[in-house]
Amino acid sequence: MVADVDLSTLDWRKSSYSGGGNDCVEVAFTLDGTAVRDSKNPAAGALRLGSAQWDALLAAARTGELDLR
């Protein structure tokens, strides 16, 4: 289970691959996982993932499993 944390205290990071457009996400690492949020609407909250879930998301993205094309 991912613990509740105050999202405003986290160190949010945007990918260096972000081109400055409106299609970016930000991530912040916590003691027990990762939080992901929409960079253009950070007040909307964040998706919180445990370490295993974060690893699975990254693996799926790297293999193209999440490509919508």
C-alpha atoms as a PDB file:
ATOM      1  CA  MET A   1       0.000   0.000   0.000  1.00  0.00           C
ATOM      2  CA  VAL A   2       1.266   3.475  -0.860  1.00  0.00           C
ATOM      3  CA  ALA A   3       1.154   5.813   2.118  1.00  0.00           C
ATOM      4  CA  ASP A   4      -0.632   9.146   1.928  1.00  0.00           C
ATOM      5  CA  VAL A   5       1.817  12.024   1.695  1.00  0.00           C
ATOM      6  CA  ASP A   6       1.417  15.774   1.371  1.00  0.00           C
ATOM      7  CA  LEU A   7       1.886  16.214  -2.389  1.00  0.00           C
ATOM      8  CA  SER A   8       3.038  19.801  -1.964  1.00  0.00           C
ATOM      9  CA  THR A   9       6.134  18.657  -0.072  1.00  0.00           C
ATOM     10  CA  LEU A  10       7.406  16.346  -2.799  1.00  0.00           C
ATOM     11  CA  ASP A  11      10.211  17.142  -5.236  1.00  0.00           C
ATOM     12  CA  TRP A  12       8.323  17.046  -8.558  1.00  0.00           C
ATOM     13  CA  ARG A  13      10.324  16.479 -11.748  1.00  0.00           C
ATOM     14  CA  LYS A  14       9.492  16.797 -15.407  1.00  0.00           C
ATOM     15  CA  SER A  15      11.227  14.699 -18.038  1.00  0.00           C
ATOM     16  CA  SER A  16      14.178  16.269 -19.810  1.00  0.00           C
ATOM     17  CA  TYR A  17      12.485  15.044 -22.997  1.00  0.00           C
ATOM     18  CA  SER A  18       9.539  17.382 -22.420  1.00  0.00           C
ATOM     19  CA  GLY A  19       9.332  19.863 -25.240  1.00  0.00           C
ATOM     20  CA  GLY A  20       7.554  22.555 -23.274  1.00  0.00           C
ATOM     21  CA  GLY A  21       4.149  21.591 -24.646  1.00  0.00           C
ATOM     22  CA  ASN A  22       1.021  20.729 -22.701  1.00  0.00           C
ATOM     23  CA  ASP A  23       1.499  16.976 -22.774  1.00  0.00           C
ATOM     24  CA  CYS A  24       3.844  16.495 -19.826  1.00  0.00           C
ATOM     25  CA  VAL A  25       3.602  14.551 -16.637  1.00  0.00           C
ATOM     26  CA  GLU A  26       5.587  15.093 -13.490  1.00  0.00           C
ATOM     27  CA  VAL A  27       6.861  12.421 -11.126  1.00  0.00           C
ATOM     28  CA  ALA A  28       7.943  12.517  -7.504  1.00  0.00           C
ATOM     29  CA  PHE A  29       9.549   9.675  -5.620  1.00  0.00           C
ATOM     30  CA  THR A  30       8.374   8.783  -2.132  1.00  0.00           C
ATOM     31  CA  LEU A  31       9.695   6.331   0.442  1.00  0.00           C
ATOM     32  CA  ASP A  32       7.415   3.569  -0.811  1.00  0.00           C
ATOM     33  CA  GLY A  33       6.796   4.404  -4.464  1.00  0.00           C
ATOM     34  CA  THR A  34       6.151   7.126  -6.982  1.00  0.00           C
ATOM     35  CA  ALA A  35       3.508   9.799  -7.531  1.00  0.00           C
ATOM     36  CA  VAL A  36       2.571  10.921 -11.050  1.00  0.00           C
ATOM     37  CA  ARG A  37       0.556  14.024 -11.943  1.00  0.00           C
ATOM     38  CA  ASP A  38      -0.463  16.174 -14.899  1.00  0.00           C
ATOM     39  CA  SER A  39       1.970  19.087 -15.134  1.00  0.00           C
ATOM     40  CA  LYS A  40      -0.662  21.526 -16.389  1.00  0.00           C
ATOM     41  CA  ASN A  41      -3.121  20.691 -13.585  1.00  0.00           C
ATOM     42  CA  PRO A  42      -1.131  19.721 -10.483  1.00  0.00           C
ATOM     43  CA  ALA A  43      -3.991  20.643  -8.151  1.00  0.00           C
ATOM     44  CA  ALA A  44      -6.031  17.754  -9.577  1.00  0.00           C
ATOM     45  CA  GLY A  45      -4.044  15.266  -7.505  1.00  0.00           C
ATOM     46  CA  ALA A  46      -1.702  12.454  -8.375  1.00  0.00           C
ATOM     47  CA  LEU A  47      -1.685   8.784  -9.200  1.00  0.00           C
ATOM     48  CA  ARG A  48       0.279   6.976  -6.502  1.00  0.00           C
ATOM     49  CA  LEU A  49       2.103   3.806  -7.415  1.00  0.00           C
ATOM     50  CA  GLY A  50       4.002   1.337  -5.278  1.00  0.00           C
ATOM     51  CA  SER A  51       7.542   0.442  -6.337  1.00  0.00           C
ATOM     52  CA  ALA A  52       6.474  -2.726  -8.168  1.00  0.00           C
ATOM     53  CA  GLN A  53       3.669  -0.864  -9.956  1.00  0.00           C
ATOM     54  CA  TRP A  54       6.074   1.906 -11.044  1.00  0.00           C
ATOM     55  CA  ASP A  55       8.534  -0.685 -12.375  1.00  0.00           C
ATOM     56  CA  ALA A  56       5.730  -2.393 -14.307  1.00  0.00           C
ATOM     57  CA  LEU A  57       4.561   0.931 -15.795  1.00  0.00           C
ATOM     58  CA  LEU A  58       8.087   1.786 -16.937  1.00  0.00           C
ATOM     59  CA  ALA A  59       8.580  -1.676 -18.438  1.00  0.00           C
ATOM     60  CA  ALA A  60       5.301  -1.410 -20.367  1.00  0.00           C
ATOM     61  CA  ALA A  61       6.225   2.043 -21.677  1.00  0.00           C
ATOM     62  CA  ARG A  62       9.690   0.895 -22.754  1.00  0.00           C
ATOM     63  CA  THR A  63       8.353  -2.072 -24.716  1.00  0.00           C
ATOM     64  CA  GLY A  64       5.672   0.005 -26.465  1.00  0.00           C
ATOM     65  CA  GLU A  65       2.832  -1.824 -24.739  1.00  0.00           C
ATOM     66  CA  LEU A  66       1.166   1.517 -23.974  1.00  0.00           C
ATOM     67  CA  ASP A  67       1.453   3.008 -27.464  1.00  0.00           C
ATOM     68  CA  LEU A  68      -1.962   4.050 -28.767  1.00  0.00           C
ATOM     69  CA  ARG A  69      -1.006   4.221 -32.434  1.00  0.00           C
END
